[in-house]
N, C-alpha and C. Protein backbone atom coordinates (compact mmCIF):
# COMPACT_ATOMS: atom_id res chain seq x y z
N UNK A 1 129.15 57.00 -31.17
CA UNK A 1 129.01 55.42 -30.99
C UNK A 1 127.27 56.14 -30.67
N UNK A 2 126.66 55.15 -31.49
CA UNK A 2 125.13 54.76 -31.10
C UNK A 2 124.42 54.84 -30.16
N UNK A 3 123.25 55.13 -30.03
CA UNK A 3 122.31 55.17 -28.66
C UNK A 3 121.93 53.46 -28.74
N UNK A 4 122.26 52.92 -30.03
CA UNK A 4 121.23 51.36 -29.79
C UNK A 4 123.12 50.83 -29.44
N UNK A 5 123.83 51.25 -29.96
CA UNK A 5 125.27 50.67 -29.29
C UNK A 5 125.55 50.72 -27.50
N UNK A 6 125.11 51.75 -27.24
CA UNK A 6 125.24 52.23 -25.64
C UNK A 6 124.12 51.16 -25.49
N UNK A 7 123.09 51.23 -26.04
CA UNK A 7 122.11 50.28 -25.46
C UNK A 7 121.94 48.54 -25.14
N UNK A 8 122.93 48.42 -26.49
CA UNK A 8 123.59 46.84 -26.43
C UNK A 8 124.66 46.69 -25.12
N UNK A 9 125.63 47.78 -25.37
CA UNK A 9 126.32 47.48 -24.23
C UNK A 9 126.26 47.00 -22.71
N UNK A 10 124.89 48.28 -22.39
CA UNK A 10 124.32 48.16 -21.15
C UNK A 10 123.68 46.66 -20.86
N UNK A 11 122.95 46.30 -21.98
CA UNK A 11 122.10 44.91 -21.92
C UNK A 11 123.41 43.94 -21.87
N UNK A 12 124.54 43.87 -22.26
CA UNK A 12 125.44 42.99 -22.63
C UNK A 12 126.65 43.29 -21.19
N UNK A 13 126.33 43.86 -20.25
CA UNK A 13 126.71 44.41 -18.96
C UNK A 13 125.97 42.74 -17.76
N UNK A 14 127.34 42.24 -17.44
CA UNK A 14 127.12 41.39 -16.66
C UNK A 14 126.21 41.45 -15.13
N UNK A 15 126.62 42.96 -15.00
CA UNK A 15 126.35 43.38 -13.72
C UNK A 15 125.08 43.88 -13.89
N UNK A 16 124.36 43.70 -14.97
CA UNK A 16 122.99 44.48 -14.98
C UNK A 16 121.64 43.46 -14.56
N UNK A 17 120.93 43.32 -13.63
CA UNK A 17 119.95 42.86 -13.82
C UNK A 17 118.72 43.12 -14.99
N UNK A 18 117.50 41.89 -14.88
CA UNK A 18 116.71 42.01 -15.41
C UNK A 18 115.71 43.81 -15.89
N UNK A 19 115.72 43.81 -14.28
CA UNK A 19 114.92 44.90 -13.70
C UNK A 19 115.63 46.50 -14.20
N UNK A 20 117.35 46.37 -13.93
CA UNK A 20 117.81 47.30 -14.50
C UNK A 20 117.74 48.03 -16.02
N UNK A 21 118.18 46.44 -16.78
CA UNK A 21 117.85 46.60 -18.29
C UNK A 21 116.58 47.63 -19.03
N UNK A 22 115.17 47.12 -17.93
CA UNK A 22 114.08 47.29 -18.57
C UNK A 22 113.76 48.63 -17.61
N UNK A 23 114.81 49.00 -16.71
CA UNK A 23 114.54 50.66 -16.43
C UNK A 23 115.03 51.62 -16.87
N UNK A 24 116.53 50.79 -17.77
CA UNK A 24 116.83 51.82 -18.27
C UNK A 24 116.33 52.18 -19.62
N UNK A 25 115.31 51.22 -20.47
CA UNK A 25 114.69 51.26 -21.45
C UNK A 25 113.72 52.15 -21.58
N UNK A 26 112.91 51.91 -20.48
CA UNK A 26 111.99 52.99 -19.79
C UNK A 26 112.39 54.22 -20.03
N UNK A 27 113.19 54.83 -19.16
CA UNK A 27 113.64 56.04 -19.00
C UNK A 27 114.20 56.57 -20.24
N UNK A 28 114.92 55.85 -20.97
CA UNK A 28 115.44 55.82 -22.61
C UNK A 28 114.47 56.97 -23.10
N UNK A 29 113.41 55.89 -23.32
CA UNK A 29 112.23 56.19 -24.00
C UNK A 29 111.54 57.27 -23.62
N UNK A 30 111.25 57.25 -22.39
CA UNK A 30 110.20 58.72 -21.91
C UNK A 30 111.23 60.27 -22.15
N UNK A 31 112.76 59.87 -22.21
CA UNK A 31 113.15 61.24 -22.34
C UNK A 31 113.67 61.45 -23.22
N UNK A 32 113.95 60.60 -24.61
CA UNK A 32 114.21 60.69 -26.04
C UNK A 32 112.31 61.56 -26.47
N UNK A 33 111.35 60.97 -25.84
CA UNK A 33 109.97 61.28 -26.46
C UNK A 33 110.30 63.00 -25.84
N UNK A 34 110.08 62.87 -24.55
CA UNK A 34 110.10 64.53 -24.33
C UNK A 34 110.87 65.13 -25.02
N UNK A 35 112.03 65.04 -24.79
CA UNK A 35 113.23 65.69 -25.71
C UNK A 35 113.22 65.49 -26.93
N UNK A 36 112.29 64.67 -27.66
CA UNK A 36 112.05 65.36 -29.35
C UNK A 36 110.01 66.51 -29.09
N UNK A 37 109.41 65.67 -28.22
CA UNK A 37 108.55 67.02 -27.93
C UNK A 37 108.76 68.34 -27.72
N UNK A 38 109.47 68.39 -26.80
CA UNK A 38 110.44 69.94 -26.59
C UNK A 38 111.38 70.62 -27.14
N UNK A 39 111.59 69.89 -28.57
CA UNK A 39 112.24 70.56 -29.87
C UNK A 39 114.04 70.49 -29.15
N UNK A 40 114.48 69.46 -28.99
CA UNK A 40 116.17 69.89 -28.48
C UNK A 40 116.74 69.71 -30.00
N UNK A 41 118.14 70.38 -29.83
CA UNK A 41 119.00 70.40 -30.87
C UNK A 41 119.32 68.51 -30.73
N UNK A 42 120.11 68.66 -32.25
CA UNK A 42 120.47 67.44 -32.34
C UNK A 42 121.93 66.74 -31.18
N UNK A 43 122.30 67.34 -31.08
CA UNK A 43 123.66 67.20 -29.91
C UNK A 43 122.94 67.10 -28.55
N UNK A 44 122.05 68.14 -27.97
CA UNK A 44 121.46 67.86 -26.41
C UNK A 44 120.41 66.85 -26.39
N UNK A 45 119.99 66.11 -27.42
CA UNK A 45 119.14 65.10 -27.37
C UNK A 45 119.82 63.96 -27.27
N UNK A 46 121.11 63.85 -28.28
CA UNK A 46 121.86 62.62 -28.32
C UNK A 46 122.64 62.86 -26.81
N UNK A 47 123.25 63.67 -26.22
CA UNK A 47 123.42 63.53 -24.66
C UNK A 47 122.53 63.28 -23.62
N UNK A 48 121.38 63.61 -24.30
CA UNK A 48 120.31 63.46 -23.07
C UNK A 48 120.18 61.77 -23.45
N UNK A 49 120.15 61.15 -24.51
CA UNK A 49 119.56 59.89 -24.63
C UNK A 49 120.46 59.00 -24.12
N UNK A 50 122.05 59.65 -24.28
CA UNK A 50 123.36 58.54 -23.83
C UNK A 50 122.66 58.68 -22.38
N UNK A 51 122.85 59.78 -21.74
CA UNK A 51 122.87 59.82 -20.42
C UNK A 51 121.73 58.85 -19.71
N UNK A 52 120.26 59.03 -20.54
CA UNK A 52 119.43 58.21 -20.02
C UNK A 52 119.08 56.51 -20.03
N UNK A 53 120.53 56.59 -20.71
CA UNK A 53 121.04 54.92 -21.26
C UNK A 53 121.54 54.42 -19.69
N UNK A 54 122.48 55.25 -19.42
CA UNK A 54 123.34 54.86 -18.68
C UNK A 54 123.14 54.98 -17.14
N UNK A 55 122.40 56.17 -16.76
CA UNK A 55 121.81 56.96 -15.73
C UNK A 55 122.14 56.19 -14.35
N UNK A 56 121.78 54.98 -14.61
CA UNK A 56 121.91 54.02 -13.11
C UNK A 56 123.38 53.41 -13.37
N UNK A 57 123.87 53.35 -14.09
CA UNK A 57 124.98 52.49 -13.92
C UNK A 57 126.12 51.87 -12.97
N UNK A 58 125.95 52.88 -12.11
CA UNK A 58 126.50 52.38 -10.89
C UNK A 58 125.79 51.04 -9.79
N UNK A 59 124.24 51.42 -9.95
CA UNK A 59 123.96 50.82 -8.92
C UNK A 59 124.17 49.63 -9.06
N UNK A 60 124.80 48.74 -9.69
CA UNK A 60 124.59 47.19 -9.60
C UNK A 60 126.01 47.00 -8.45
N UNK A 61 126.88 48.02 -8.80
CA UNK A 61 128.27 48.09 -8.10
C UNK A 61 127.97 48.18 -6.84
N UNK A 62 126.82 49.59 -6.77
CA UNK A 62 126.64 49.96 -5.14
C UNK A 62 126.08 48.73 -4.29
N UNK A 63 124.93 48.10 -5.21
CA UNK A 63 124.08 47.45 -4.65
C UNK A 63 125.47 45.86 -3.82
N UNK A 64 126.24 45.76 -4.80
CA UNK A 64 127.27 44.41 -4.67
C UNK A 64 127.51 44.76 -3.44
N UNK A 65 128.19 46.51 -3.74
CA UNK A 65 129.38 46.66 -2.50
C UNK A 65 128.40 47.12 -0.85
N UNK A 66 127.16 47.61 -1.10
CA UNK A 66 126.70 48.26 0.12
C UNK A 66 125.14 47.71 0.30
N UNK A 67 125.15 46.63 -0.45
CA UNK A 67 123.12 45.73 -0.31
C UNK A 67 122.55 47.04 -0.89
N UNK A 68 122.77 48.35 -1.38
CA UNK A 68 121.64 49.05 -1.89
C UNK A 68 122.09 50.36 -2.64
N UNK A 69 121.40 51.11 -3.31
CA UNK A 69 122.17 52.00 -4.20
C UNK A 69 121.50 53.25 -4.30
N UNK A 70 121.64 53.80 -2.79
CA UNK A 70 120.47 55.66 -2.70
C UNK A 70 121.41 56.28 -3.47
N UNK A 71 120.19 57.33 -4.23
CA UNK A 71 120.50 58.23 -5.14
C UNK A 71 122.02 58.38 -4.41
N UNK A 72 121.91 59.13 -3.65
CA UNK A 72 123.08 60.17 -3.60
C UNK A 72 124.43 59.40 -3.23
N UNK A 73 124.79 58.39 -3.32
CA UNK A 73 125.76 57.08 -3.10
C UNK A 73 125.92 56.87 -5.22
N UNK A 74 124.86 56.89 -5.42
CA UNK A 74 124.77 56.79 -6.90
C UNK A 74 125.13 57.74 -8.33
N UNK A 75 125.05 59.20 -7.27
CA UNK A 75 125.62 60.26 -7.97
C UNK A 75 127.15 60.80 -8.07
N UNK A 76 127.49 59.74 -6.56
CA UNK A 76 128.87 60.25 -5.84
C UNK A 76 129.83 59.42 -7.02
N UNK A 77 129.25 58.34 -7.40
CA UNK A 77 130.48 56.96 -7.69
C UNK A 77 130.43 56.66 -9.14
N UNK A 78 129.00 57.57 -9.72
CA UNK A 78 129.01 57.04 -11.13
C UNK A 78 129.96 57.67 -11.96
N UNK A 79 130.41 58.62 -12.03
CA UNK A 79 131.07 59.46 -13.02
C UNK A 79 132.34 58.29 -13.61
N UNK A 80 133.03 57.76 -12.27
CA UNK A 80 134.01 56.47 -12.85
C UNK A 80 133.80 55.80 -13.57
N UNK A 81 132.52 55.45 -13.48
CA UNK A 81 131.77 53.58 -14.34
C UNK A 81 131.49 54.26 -15.98
N UNK A 82 131.38 55.23 -15.77
CA UNK A 82 131.14 56.47 -16.90
C UNK A 82 132.25 56.55 -18.07
N UNK A 83 133.29 56.95 -17.34
CA UNK A 83 134.41 57.24 -18.02
C UNK A 83 135.12 55.53 -18.73
N UNK A 84 134.90 54.62 -17.65
CA UNK A 84 135.25 53.76 -18.02
C UNK A 84 134.44 52.88 -19.19
N UNK A 85 133.20 53.23 -18.94
CA UNK A 85 131.88 52.67 -20.31
C UNK A 85 132.51 53.24 -21.61
N UNK A 86 132.20 54.79 -21.60
CA UNK A 86 132.96 55.81 -22.68
C UNK A 86 134.01 55.55 -23.14
N UNK A 87 135.53 54.95 -22.62
CA UNK A 87 136.49 54.41 -22.88
C UNK A 87 136.65 53.78 -24.05
N UNK A 88 137.51 53.94 -25.50
CA UNK A 88 138.18 53.67 -26.67
C UNK A 88 136.24 54.20 -27.53
N UNK A 89 135.54 54.55 -27.22
CA UNK A 89 134.65 54.76 -27.89
C UNK A 89 134.87 56.16 -28.83
N UNK A 90 134.06 56.77 -29.64
CA UNK A 90 134.07 57.90 -30.73
C UNK A 90 133.06 59.21 -29.88
N UNK A 91 132.64 58.95 -28.32
CA UNK A 91 132.49 60.07 -27.58
C UNK A 91 133.11 60.90 -26.97
N UNK A 92 132.52 62.25 -27.69
CA UNK A 92 133.57 63.64 -27.69
C UNK A 92 133.72 63.67 -26.46
N UNK A 93 134.82 64.19 -25.46
CA UNK A 93 134.91 64.06 -24.21
C UNK A 93 134.05 65.40 -23.75
N UNK A 94 133.35 66.42 -24.69
CA UNK A 94 132.43 67.46 -23.95
C UNK A 94 130.95 66.56 -23.55
N UNK A 95 130.76 65.83 -24.36
CA UNK A 95 129.59 64.76 -24.52
C UNK A 95 129.80 63.94 -22.77
N UNK A 96 131.08 63.47 -22.93
CA UNK A 96 130.97 62.21 -21.78
C UNK A 96 130.73 63.33 -20.23
N UNK A 97 131.48 64.19 -20.65
CA UNK A 97 131.85 65.67 -19.24
C UNK A 97 130.41 65.76 -19.21
N UNK A 98 129.48 66.04 -19.90
CA UNK A 98 127.71 66.74 -19.78
C UNK A 98 126.96 65.28 -19.39
N UNK A 99 127.46 64.17 -19.60
CA UNK A 99 126.81 62.76 -19.21
C UNK A 99 127.17 62.50 -18.11
N UNK A 100 128.36 62.86 -17.85
CA UNK A 100 128.36 62.73 -16.34
C UNK A 100 127.90 63.72 -15.15
N UNK A 101 127.71 64.41 -15.42
CA UNK A 101 126.92 66.07 -14.71
C UNK A 101 125.48 65.61 -14.70
N UNK A 102 125.01 65.17 -15.48
CA UNK A 102 123.85 64.54 -16.10
C UNK A 102 123.06 63.69 -14.97
N UNK A 103 124.29 62.63 -15.01
CA UNK A 103 124.14 61.04 -14.10
C UNK A 103 124.89 61.73 -12.74
N UNK A 104 125.05 62.50 -12.32
CA UNK A 104 125.45 62.70 -11.00
C UNK A 104 124.59 64.05 -10.15
N UNK A 105 123.74 64.08 -11.42
CA UNK A 105 122.93 65.41 -10.60
C UNK A 105 121.42 64.53 -11.01
N UNK A 106 121.21 63.91 -11.53
CA UNK A 106 120.09 62.95 -11.67
C UNK A 106 118.98 62.37 -10.30
N UNK A 107 119.59 62.70 -9.21
CA UNK A 107 118.46 62.73 -8.04
C UNK A 107 118.57 63.65 -7.07
N UNK A 108 119.06 65.28 -7.98
CA UNK A 108 118.86 66.18 -7.13
C UNK A 108 117.98 67.53 -7.89
N UNK A 109 117.15 67.90 -7.11
CA UNK A 109 116.11 68.28 -7.52
C UNK A 109 115.96 70.02 -7.33
N UNK A 110 117.26 70.37 -7.47
CA UNK A 110 117.18 71.69 -7.33
C UNK A 110 118.32 72.25 -8.30
N UNK A 111 118.38 73.34 -8.18
CA UNK A 111 119.66 73.76 -9.29
C UNK A 111 119.67 73.11 -10.39
N UNK A 112 118.72 73.05 -11.36
CA UNK A 112 118.53 71.87 -12.49
C UNK A 112 119.35 73.00 -13.81
N UNK A 113 120.46 72.84 -14.15
CA UNK A 113 120.86 73.35 -15.30
C UNK A 113 121.24 72.77 -16.50
N UNK A 114 119.92 72.93 -17.18
CA UNK A 114 119.62 72.70 -18.54
C UNK A 114 118.37 71.70 -18.69
N UNK A 115 118.03 72.08 -19.74
CA UNK A 115 116.81 71.48 -20.16
C UNK A 115 117.01 69.67 -20.43
N UNK A 116 118.49 69.48 -20.27
CA UNK A 116 118.50 67.95 -20.53
C UNK A 116 118.40 67.59 -19.12
N UNK A 117 119.11 68.04 -18.30
CA UNK A 117 118.89 67.38 -17.16
C UNK A 117 117.34 67.53 -16.42
N UNK A 118 116.63 68.44 -16.76
CA UNK A 118 115.55 68.72 -16.58
C UNK A 118 114.66 67.42 -17.22
N UNK A 119 114.73 67.42 -18.36
CA UNK A 119 113.75 66.11 -18.99
C UNK A 119 114.56 64.70 -18.07
N UNK A 120 116.02 64.59 -18.04
CA UNK A 120 116.31 63.16 -17.61
C UNK A 120 115.41 62.97 -16.10
N UNK A 121 115.20 64.03 -14.91
CA UNK A 121 114.52 64.04 -13.93
C UNK A 121 113.08 63.69 -14.19
N UNK A 122 112.64 64.38 -14.98
CA UNK A 122 110.93 64.19 -15.12
C UNK A 122 111.06 62.74 -15.25
N UNK A 123 111.63 62.04 -16.81
CA UNK A 123 111.36 60.43 -17.18
C UNK A 123 111.83 59.49 -16.48
N UNK A 124 112.90 60.05 -15.17
CA UNK A 124 113.49 59.10 -13.94
C UNK A 124 112.07 59.17 -13.01
N UNK A 125 111.59 60.58 -12.94
CA UNK A 125 110.85 60.08 -11.68
C UNK A 125 109.45 59.34 -12.37
N UNK A 126 109.07 59.87 -13.39
CA UNK A 126 107.79 58.87 -14.08
C UNK A 126 107.89 57.35 -14.00
N UNK A 127 109.03 56.84 -14.63
CA UNK A 127 109.13 55.53 -14.52
C UNK A 127 109.34 54.77 -13.26
N UNK A 128 110.13 55.92 -12.17
CA UNK A 128 110.25 55.42 -10.36
C UNK A 128 108.97 55.37 -10.22
N UNK A 129 108.37 55.94 -10.61
CA UNK A 129 106.98 56.73 -9.75
C UNK A 129 105.87 55.18 -10.04
N UNK A 130 105.71 54.97 -11.50
CA UNK A 130 105.35 54.00 -12.03
C UNK A 130 105.43 52.43 -11.08
N UNK A 131 106.73 52.33 -11.72
CA UNK A 131 107.30 50.87 -10.92
C UNK A 131 107.28 50.60 -9.45
N UNK A 132 106.78 51.76 -9.03
CA UNK A 132 106.93 51.77 -6.94
C UNK A 132 105.66 51.74 -6.73
N UNK A 133 104.74 51.46 -7.74
CA UNK A 133 103.45 52.02 -7.31
C UNK A 133 103.15 53.22 -6.26
N UNK A 134 103.71 54.35 -6.72
CA UNK A 134 103.67 55.49 -5.26
C UNK A 134 102.19 56.02 -5.52
N UNK A 135 101.76 56.28 -4.07
CA UNK A 135 100.65 56.77 -4.07
C UNK A 135 100.47 57.62 -5.15
N UNK A 136 98.78 58.50 -5.77
CA UNK A 136 98.89 59.59 -6.65
C UNK A 136 98.87 60.96 -6.10
N UNK A 137 98.96 60.87 -4.31
CA UNK A 137 99.20 62.39 -4.00
C UNK A 137 100.56 62.85 -4.05
N UNK A 138 101.14 61.58 -3.43
CA UNK A 138 102.92 61.76 -3.90
C UNK A 138 103.32 62.54 -5.02
N UNK A 139 103.01 61.48 -5.87
CA UNK A 139 103.42 61.70 -7.70
C UNK A 139 102.84 63.16 -7.57
N UNK A 140 102.07 63.87 -7.51
CA UNK A 140 100.88 64.98 -7.72
C UNK A 140 101.75 65.90 -7.03
N UNK A 141 101.88 65.62 -5.79
CA UNK A 141 102.71 66.83 -4.55
C UNK A 141 104.10 66.92 -5.35
N UNK A 142 105.05 66.11 -5.40
CA UNK A 142 106.25 65.90 -5.77
C UNK A 142 106.66 66.45 -6.84
N UNK A 143 105.91 65.79 -8.35
CA UNK A 143 105.80 66.00 -9.68
C UNK A 143 105.74 67.31 -10.01
N UNK A 144 104.95 67.95 -9.10
CA UNK A 144 104.17 69.34 -9.91
C UNK A 144 105.25 70.46 -9.35
N UNK A 145 105.87 70.14 -8.17
CA UNK A 145 107.34 70.68 -7.93
C UNK A 145 108.58 70.93 -8.98
N UNK A 146 108.42 69.73 -9.49
CA UNK A 146 109.88 69.40 -10.11
C UNK A 146 109.11 69.39 -11.68
N UNK A 147 108.42 69.00 -12.15
CA UNK A 147 108.49 69.32 -13.82
C UNK A 147 108.23 70.81 -14.11
N UNK A 148 109.03 70.70 -15.26
CA UNK A 148 108.43 72.05 -16.10
C UNK A 148 108.41 72.19 -17.23
N UNK A 149 108.58 70.86 -18.27
CA UNK A 149 108.57 70.84 -19.58
C UNK A 149 107.09 70.67 -19.66
N UNK A 150 106.48 70.79 -21.00
CA UNK A 150 105.11 70.81 -21.64
C UNK A 150 104.60 69.23 -21.56
N UNK A 151 105.37 68.47 -22.26
CA UNK A 151 105.17 67.16 -22.48
C UNK A 151 105.47 66.37 -21.24
N UNK A 152 106.70 66.87 -20.28
CA UNK A 152 106.88 65.93 -19.22
C UNK A 152 105.25 65.85 -17.93
N UNK A 153 104.73 67.75 -18.27
CA UNK A 153 103.55 67.67 -17.25
C UNK A 153 102.72 67.24 -17.90
N UNK A 154 102.32 66.79 -19.26
CA UNK A 154 101.51 66.33 -19.64
C UNK A 154 101.62 64.67 -19.60
N UNK A 155 102.51 64.14 -19.35
CA UNK A 155 103.01 62.88 -19.21
C UNK A 155 102.33 62.66 -17.63
N UNK A 156 103.09 63.62 -16.80
CA UNK A 156 102.38 63.31 -15.57
C UNK A 156 101.63 63.46 -14.92
N UNK A 157 100.60 64.12 -15.71
CA UNK A 157 98.96 64.08 -15.25
C UNK A 157 98.50 62.73 -15.34
N UNK A 158 99.09 62.34 -16.77
CA UNK A 158 98.42 61.26 -17.54
C UNK A 158 98.54 60.06 -16.42
N UNK A 159 99.70 60.20 -15.90
CA UNK A 159 100.77 58.78 -14.81
C UNK A 159 99.09 59.01 -13.61
N UNK A 160 98.74 60.10 -13.34
CA UNK A 160 98.23 60.59 -11.98
C UNK A 160 97.20 60.15 -12.25
N UNK A 161 96.13 60.52 -13.16
CA UNK A 161 95.03 59.99 -13.85
C UNK A 161 94.81 58.54 -13.49
N UNK A 162 95.40 57.87 -14.18
CA UNK A 162 96.09 56.32 -14.25
C UNK A 162 96.11 55.46 -13.02
N UNK A 163 97.08 56.43 -11.90
CA UNK A 163 97.18 55.88 -10.50
C UNK A 163 95.93 56.19 -10.14
N UNK A 164 95.51 56.79 -9.66
CA UNK A 164 94.13 57.04 -8.95
C UNK A 164 93.06 55.82 -10.00
N UNK A 165 92.78 55.91 -10.88
CA UNK A 165 92.08 55.00 -11.79
C UNK A 165 92.16 53.73 -10.83
N UNK A 166 93.51 53.47 -10.72
CA UNK A 166 94.06 51.81 -10.37
C UNK A 166 93.89 51.80 -9.05
N UNK A 167 94.17 52.81 -8.75
CA UNK A 167 93.66 53.03 -6.45
C UNK A 167 92.16 53.17 -6.38
N UNK A 168 91.18 53.03 -7.55
CA UNK A 168 89.81 53.25 -7.16
C UNK A 168 89.50 51.48 -7.78
N UNK A 169 90.33 50.64 -7.86
CA UNK A 169 89.99 49.40 -8.36
C UNK A 169 89.74 48.51 -7.92
């Protein structure tokens, strides 16, 4: 499965809102960029990109069922939706398993296993911080505890600077 096919499949899903689609595109773009800048090998980058595309796959279903999509429920319920999503594709089982692990841990900021998970957390954090217009102090405090990659830290520091500039206007 090409990354573009995964994106198209997510866009084609009648369950996703415009916000869901915009969010996955932003997270994917940042995750890919950070992954490339950090020099991930081809398979790890591919796995990261797939995970970034589908990282919030359970959100529409959770919103329908519970009227919200808290992170811990996303992590708990995503793997079933992911297995269905990848069913009938040529994505290797080991990659599907890793994507399930990445998605099921993308709101857990401790015991981070692997650079692909680290990058997914960083990309999602950056996008959520910008989308929610989090206060610069919150982004700085939480971000500097979480971020480990050089590229992610660079983007985090630029986001903090932009948030500070916007609050001064």
